């Protein structure tokens, strides 16, 4: 993802997160990748950690 593309990806992910049924670990992973591409590593790390936590919860459900 290039700079402008990262912004578009983040906007799309944020819209998806607003949907009621959009609590899927893949969104957190994609958000982390987009944040990293946008030069926001601290937020990206948080999203990657969210991804891992959600994935673990889904595996034990």
PDB file of N, CA and C in Angstrom:
ATOM      1  N   UNK A   1       0.835  -1.181   0.000  1.00  0.00           N
ATOM      2  CA  UNK A   1       0.000   0.000   0.000  1.00  0.00           C
ATOM      3  C   UNK A   1       0.874   1.237   0.000  1.00  0.00           C
ATOM      4  N   UNK A   2       0.555   2.147  -0.845  1.00  0.00           N
ATOM      5  CA  UNK A   2       1.264   3.407  -0.873  1.00  0.00           C
ATOM      6  C   UNK A   2       0.529   4.395   0.026  1.00  0.00           C
ATOM      7  N   UNK A   3       1.145   5.544   0.293  1.00  0.00           N
ATOM      8  CA  UNK A   3       0.585   6.519   1.220  1.00  0.00           C
ATOM      9  C   UNK A   3      -0.885   6.807   1.033  1.00  0.00           C
ATOM     10  N   UNK A   4      -1.299   7.216  -0.174  1.00  0.00           N
ATOM     11  CA  UNK A   4      -2.702   7.521  -0.433  1.00  0.00           C
ATOM     12  C   UNK A   4      -3.591   6.306  -0.339  1.00  0.00           C
ATOM     13  N   UNK A   5      -3.055   5.181  -0.768  1.00  0.00           N
ATOM     14  CA  UNK A   5      -3.812   3.934  -0.696  1.00  0.00           C
ATOM     15  C   UNK A   5      -4.057   3.517   0.758  1.00  0.00           C
ATOM     16  N   UNK A   6      -3.083   3.774   1.611  1.00  0.00           N
ATOM     17  CA  UNK A   6      -3.240   3.432   3.029  1.00  0.00           C
ATOM     18  C   UNK A   6      -4.395   4.230   3.628  1.00  0.00           C
ATOM     19  N   UNK A   7      -4.489   5.495   3.272  1.00  0.00           N
ATOM     20  CA  UNK A   7      -5.588   6.328   3.768  1.00  0.00           C
ATOM     21  C   UNK A   7      -6.935   5.818   3.307  1.00  0.00           C
ATOM     22  N   UNK A   8      -7.018   5.414   2.032  1.00  0.00           N
ATOM     23  CA  UNK A   8      -8.274   4.855   1.514  1.00  0.00           C
ATOM     24  C   UNK A   8      -8.621   3.555   2.232  1.00  0.00           C
ATOM     25  N   UNK A   9      -7.603   2.729   2.455  1.00  0.00           N
ATOM     26  CA  UNK A   9      -7.827   1.460   3.148  1.00  0.00           C
ATOM     27  C   UNK A   9      -8.319   1.704   4.565  1.00  0.00           C
ATOM     28  N   UNK A  10      -7.709   2.654   5.262  1.00  0.00           N
ATOM     29  CA  UNK A  10      -8.137   2.957   6.631  1.00  0.00           C
ATOM     30  C   UNK A  10      -9.574   3.460   6.666  1.00  0.00           C
ATOM     31  N   UNK A  11      -9.945   4.303   5.721  1.00  0.00           N
ATOM     32  CA  UNK A  11     -11.317   4.814   5.672  1.00  0.00           C
ATOM     33  C   UNK A  11     -12.309   3.673   5.443  1.00  0.00           C
ATOM     34  N   UNK A  12     -11.964   2.753   4.566  1.00  0.00           N
ATOM     35  CA  UNK A  12     -12.836   1.615   4.291  1.00  0.00           C
ATOM     36  C   UNK A  12     -12.944   0.708   5.507  1.00  0.00           C
ATOM     37  N   UNK A  13     -11.827   0.439   6.150  1.00  0.00           N
ATOM     38  CA  UNK A  13     -11.826  -0.416   7.344  1.00  0.00           C
ATOM     39  C   UNK A  13     -12.661   0.220   8.448  1.00  0.00           C
ATOM     40  N   UNK A  14     -12.540   1.530   8.632  1.00  0.00           N
ATOM     41  CA  UNK A  14     -13.327   2.210   9.659  1.00  0.00           C
ATOM     42  C   UNK A  14     -14.820   2.100   9.367  1.00  0.00           C
ATOM     43  N   UNK A  15     -15.210   2.189   8.097  1.00  0.00           N
ATOM     44  CA  UNK A  15     -16.633   2.017   7.746  1.00  0.00           C
ATOM     45  C   UNK A  15     -17.076   0.594   8.056  1.00  0.00           C
ATOM     46  N   UNK A  16     -16.233  -0.382   7.742  1.00  0.00           N
ATOM     47  CA  UNK A  16     -16.576  -1.775   8.028  1.00  0.00           C
ATOM     48  C   UNK A  16     -16.689  -2.021   9.528  1.00  0.00           C
ATOM     49  N   UNK A  17     -15.814  -1.391  10.312  1.00  0.00           N
ATOM     50  CA  UNK A  17     -15.846  -1.571  11.765  1.00  0.00           C
ATOM     51  C   UNK A  17     -17.144  -1.031  12.369  1.00  0.00           C
ATOM     52  N   UNK A  18     -17.753  -0.066  11.699  1.00  0.00           N
ATOM     53  CA  UNK A  18     -19.003   0.509  12.194  1.00  0.00           C
ATOM     54  C   UNK A  18     -20.189  -0.426  12.000  1.00  0.00           C
ATOM     55  N   UNK A  19     -20.063  -1.376  11.106  1.00  0.00           N
ATOM     56  CA  UNK A  19     -21.132  -2.337  10.888  1.00  0.00           C
ATOM     57  C   UNK A  19     -21.250  -3.240  12.112  1.00  0.00           C
ATOM     58  N   UNK A  20     -22.454  -3.601  12.439  1.00  0.00           N
ATOM     59  CA  UNK A  20     -22.696  -4.384  13.646  1.00  0.00           C
ATOM     60  C   UNK A  20     -21.991  -5.742  13.629  1.00  0.00           C
ATOM     61  N   UNK A  21     -21.961  -6.390  12.490  1.00  0.00           N
ATOM     62  CA  UNK A  21     -21.392  -7.740  12.418  1.00  0.00           C
ATOM     63  C   UNK A  21     -19.939  -7.735  11.951  1.00  0.00           C
ATOM     64  N   UNK A  22     -19.263  -6.606  12.059  1.00  0.00           N
ATOM     65  CA  UNK A  22     -17.916  -6.493  11.509  1.00  0.00           C
ATOM     66  C   UNK A  22     -16.825  -6.754  12.543  1.00  0.00           C
ATOM     67  N   UNK A  23     -17.116  -7.553  13.552  1.00  0.00           N
ATOM     68  CA  UNK A  23     -16.115  -7.854  14.576  1.00  0.00           C
ATOM     69  C   UNK A  23     -15.336  -9.098  14.154  1.00  0.00           C
ATOM     70  N   UNK A  24     -14.488  -8.930  13.171  1.00  0.00           N
ATOM     71  CA  UNK A  24     -13.718 -10.054  12.635  1.00  0.00           C
ATOM     72  C   UNK A  24     -12.232  -9.745  12.776  1.00  0.00           C
ATOM     73  N   UNK A  25     -11.452 -10.726  13.227  1.00  0.00           N
ATOM     74  CA  UNK A  25     -10.018 -10.493  13.423  1.00  0.00           C
ATOM     75  C   UNK A  25      -9.300  -9.969  12.184  1.00  0.00           C
ATOM     76  N   UNK A  26      -9.745 -10.370  11.004  1.00  0.00           N
ATOM     77  CA  UNK A  26      -9.075  -9.936   9.777  1.00  0.00           C
ATOM     78  C   UNK A  26      -9.094  -8.418   9.630  1.00  0.00           C
ATOM     79  N   UNK A  27     -10.138  -7.757  10.132  1.00  0.00           N
ATOM     80  CA  UNK A  27     -10.183  -6.297  10.053  1.00  0.00           C
ATOM     81  C   UNK A  27      -9.056  -5.671  10.849  1.00  0.00           C
ATOM     82  N   UNK A  28      -8.790  -6.210  12.030  1.00  0.00           N
ATOM     83  CA  UNK A  28      -7.704  -5.676  12.859  1.00  0.00           C
ATOM     84  C   UNK A  28      -6.356  -5.897  12.170  1.00  0.00           C
ATOM     85  N   UNK A  29      -6.198  -7.038  11.510  1.00  0.00           N
ATOM     86  CA  UNK A  29      -4.960  -7.321  10.792  1.00  0.00           C
ATOM     87  C   UNK A  29      -4.788  -6.353   9.621  1.00  0.00           C
ATOM     88  N   UNK A  30      -5.840  -6.175   8.838  1.00  0.00           N
ATOM     89  CA  UNK A  30      -5.777  -5.247   7.705  1.00  0.00           C
ATOM     90  C   UNK A  30      -5.538  -3.814   8.167  1.00  0.00           C
ATOM     91  N   UNK A  31      -6.177  -3.453   9.270  1.00  0.00           N
ATOM     92  CA  UNK A  31      -5.992  -2.101   9.810  1.00  0.00           C
ATOM     93  C   UNK A  31      -4.539  -1.904  10.234  1.00  0.00           C
ATOM     94  N   UNK A  32      -3.954  -2.908  10.862  1.00  0.00           N
ATOM     95  CA  UNK A  32      -2.557  -2.828  11.272  1.00  0.00           C
ATOM     96  C   UNK A  32      -1.640  -2.631  10.079  1.00  0.00           C
ATOM     97  N   UNK A  33      -1.899  -3.367   9.008  1.00  0.00           N
ATOM     98  CA  UNK A  33      -1.079  -3.232   7.802  1.00  0.00           C
ATOM     99  C   UNK A  33      -1.234  -1.845   7.192  1.00  0.00           C
ATOM    100  N   UNK A  34      -2.459  -1.335   7.161  1.00  0.00           N
ATOM    101  CA  UNK A  34      -2.700  -0.006   6.593  1.00  0.00           C
ATOM    102  C   UNK A  34      -2.052   1.074   7.450  1.00  0.00           C
ATOM    103  N   UNK A  35      -2.149   0.930   8.766  1.00  0.00           N
ATOM    104  CA  UNK A  35      -1.522   1.912   9.660  1.00  0.00           C
ATOM    105  C   UNK A  35      -0.007   1.901   9.508  1.00  0.00           C
ATOM    106  N   UNK A  36       0.556   0.728   9.373  1.00  0.00           N
ATOM    107  CA  UNK A  36       1.998   0.622   9.179  1.00  0.00           C
ATOM    108  C   UNK A  36       2.410   1.301   7.869  1.00  0.00           C
ATOM    109  N   UNK A  37       1.637   1.066   6.818  1.00  0.00           N
ATOM    110  CA  UNK A  37       1.927   1.686   5.525  1.00  0.00           C
ATOM    111  C   UNK A  37       1.769   3.201   5.582  1.00  0.00           C
ATOM    112  N   UNK A  38       0.895   3.667   6.482  1.00  0.00           N
ATOM    113  CA  UNK A  38       0.661   5.105   6.628  1.00  0.00           C
ATOM    114  C   UNK A  38       1.692   5.754   7.544  1.00  0.00           C
ATOM    115  N   UNK A  39       2.645   4.966   8.034  1.00  0.00           N
ATOM    116  CA  UNK A  39       3.683   5.513   8.902  1.00  0.00           C
ATOM    117  C   UNK A  39       3.222   5.736  10.330  1.00  0.00           C
ATOM    118  N   UNK A  40       2.289   4.903  10.793  1.00  0.00           N
ATOM    119  CA  UNK A  40       1.753   5.029  12.154  1.00  0.00           C
ATOM    120  C   UNK A  40       2.014   3.725  12.917  1.00  0.00           C
ATOM    121  N   UNK A  41       3.278   3.445  13.238  1.00  0.00           N
ATOM    122  CA  UNK A  41       3.655   2.147  13.802  1.00  0.00           C
ATOM    123  C   UNK A  41       3.078   1.854  15.186  1.00  0.00           C
ATOM    124  N   UNK A  42       2.891   2.859  16.016  1.00  0.00           N
ATOM    125  CA  UNK A  42       2.350   2.611  17.361  1.00  0.00           C
ATOM    126  C   UNK A  42       0.914   2.112  17.262  1.00  0.00           C
ATOM    127  N   UNK A  43       0.120   2.769  16.425  1.00  0.00           N
ATOM    128  CA  UNK A  43      -1.268   2.345  16.229  1.00  0.00           C
ATOM    129  C   UNK A  43      -1.322   0.995  15.517  1.00  0.00           C
ATOM    130  N   UNK A  44      -0.391   0.773  14.600  1.00  0.00           N
ATOM    131  CA  UNK A  44      -0.338  -0.501  13.887  1.00  0.00           C
ATOM    132  C   UNK A  44      -0.081  -1.641  14.868  1.00  0.00           C
ATOM    133  N   UNK A  45       0.856  -1.424  15.771  1.00  0.00           N
ATOM    134  CA  UNK A  45       1.166  -2.460  16.767  1.00  0.00           C
ATOM    135  C   UNK A  45      -0.062  -2.800  17.608  1.00  0.00           C
ATOM    136  N   UNK A  46      -0.810  -1.777  17.987  1.00  0.00           N
ATOM    137  CA  UNK A  46      -2.029  -1.989  18.769  1.00  0.00           C
ATOM    138  C   UNK A  46      -3.042  -2.818  17.976  1.00  0.00           C
ATOM    139  N   UNK A  47      -3.166  -2.528  16.687  1.00  0.00           N
ATOM    140  CA  UNK A  47      -4.087  -3.293  15.847  1.00  0.00           C
ATOM    141  C   UNK A  47      -3.635  -4.731  15.693  1.00  0.00           C
ATOM    142  N   UNK A  48      -2.325  -4.946  15.540  1.00  0.00           N
ATOM    143  CA  UNK A  48      -1.814  -6.311  15.450  1.00  0.00           C
ATOM    144  C   UNK A  48      -2.067  -7.071  16.759  1.00  0.00           C
ATOM    145  N   UNK A  49      -1.917  -6.395  17.883  1.00  0.00           N
ATOM    146  CA  UNK A  49      -2.193  -7.029  19.175  1.00  0.00           C
ATOM    147  C   UNK A  49      -3.683  -7.359  19.305  1.00  0.00           C
ATOM    148  N   UNK A  50      -4.535  -6.460  18.831  1.00  0.00           N
ATOM    149  CA  UNK A  50      -5.977  -6.730  18.826  1.00  0.00           C
ATOM    150  C   UNK A  50      -6.295  -7.946  17.968  1.00  0.00           C
ATOM    151  N   UNK A  51      -5.643  -8.023  16.816  1.00  0.00           N
ATOM    152  CA  UNK A  51      -5.841  -9.166  15.927  1.00  0.00           C
ATOM    153  C   UNK A  51      -5.513 -10.474  16.639  1.00  0.00           C
ATOM    154  N   UNK A  52      -4.355 -10.504  17.283  1.00  0.00           N
ATOM    155  CA  UNK A  52      -3.943 -11.733  17.976  1.00  0.00           C
ATOM    156  C   UNK A  52      -4.902 -12.091  19.106  1.00  0.00           C
ATOM    157  N   UNK A  53      -5.354 -11.103  19.841  1.00  0.00           N
ATOM    158  CA  UNK A  53      -6.285 -11.354  20.947  1.00  0.00           C
ATOM    159  C   UNK A  53      -7.628 -11.870  20.419  1.00  0.00           C
ATOM    160  N   UNK A  54      -8.135 -11.255  19.356  1.00  0.00           N
ATOM    161  CA  UNK A  54      -9.422 -11.695  18.786  1.00  0.00           C
ATOM    162  C   UNK A  54      -9.306 -13.097  18.212  1.00  0.00           C
ATOM    163  N   UNK A  55      -8.194 -13.368  17.549  1.00  0.00           N
ATOM    164  CA  UNK A  55      -7.995 -14.702  16.964  1.00  0.00           C
ATOM    165  C   UNK A  55      -7.972 -15.765  18.056  1.00  0.00           C
ATOM    166  N   UNK A  56      -7.283 -15.446  19.157  1.00  0.00           N
ATOM    167  CA  UNK A  56      -7.218 -16.402  20.264  1.00  0.00           C
ATOM    168  C   UNK A  56      -8.602 -16.656  20.852  1.00  0.00           C
ATOM    169  N   UNK A  57      -9.392 -15.591  21.011  1.00  0.00           N
ATOM    170  CA  UNK A  57     -10.751 -15.750  21.535  1.00  0.00           C
ATOM    171  C   UNK A  57     -11.601 -16.611  20.603  1.00  0.00           C
ATOM    172  N   UNK A  58     -11.468 -16.395  19.298  1.00  0.00           N
ATOM    173  CA  UNK A  58     -12.255 -17.173  18.329  1.00  0.00           C
ATOM    174  C   UNK A  58     -11.838 -18.641  18.308  1.00  0.00           C
ATOM    175  N   UNK A  59     -10.562 -18.915  18.559  1.00  0.00           N
ATOM    176  CA  UNK A  59     -10.095 -20.299  18.568  1.00  0.00           C
ATOM    177  C   UNK A  59     -10.612 -21.052  19.786  1.00  0.00           C
ATOM    178  N   UNK A  60     -10.850 -20.336  20.879  1.00  0.00           N
ATOM    179  CA  UNK A  60     -11.314 -20.984  22.105  1.00  0.00           C
ATOM    180  C   UNK A  60     -12.825 -20.938  22.255  1.00  0.00           C
ATOM    181  N   UNK A  61     -13.502 -20.369  21.287  1.00  0.00           N
ATOM    182  CA  UNK A  61     -14.975 -20.277  21.353  1.00  0.00           C
ATOM    183  C   UNK A  61     -15.621 -21.529  20.839  1.00  0.00           C
TER     184      UNK A  61
END
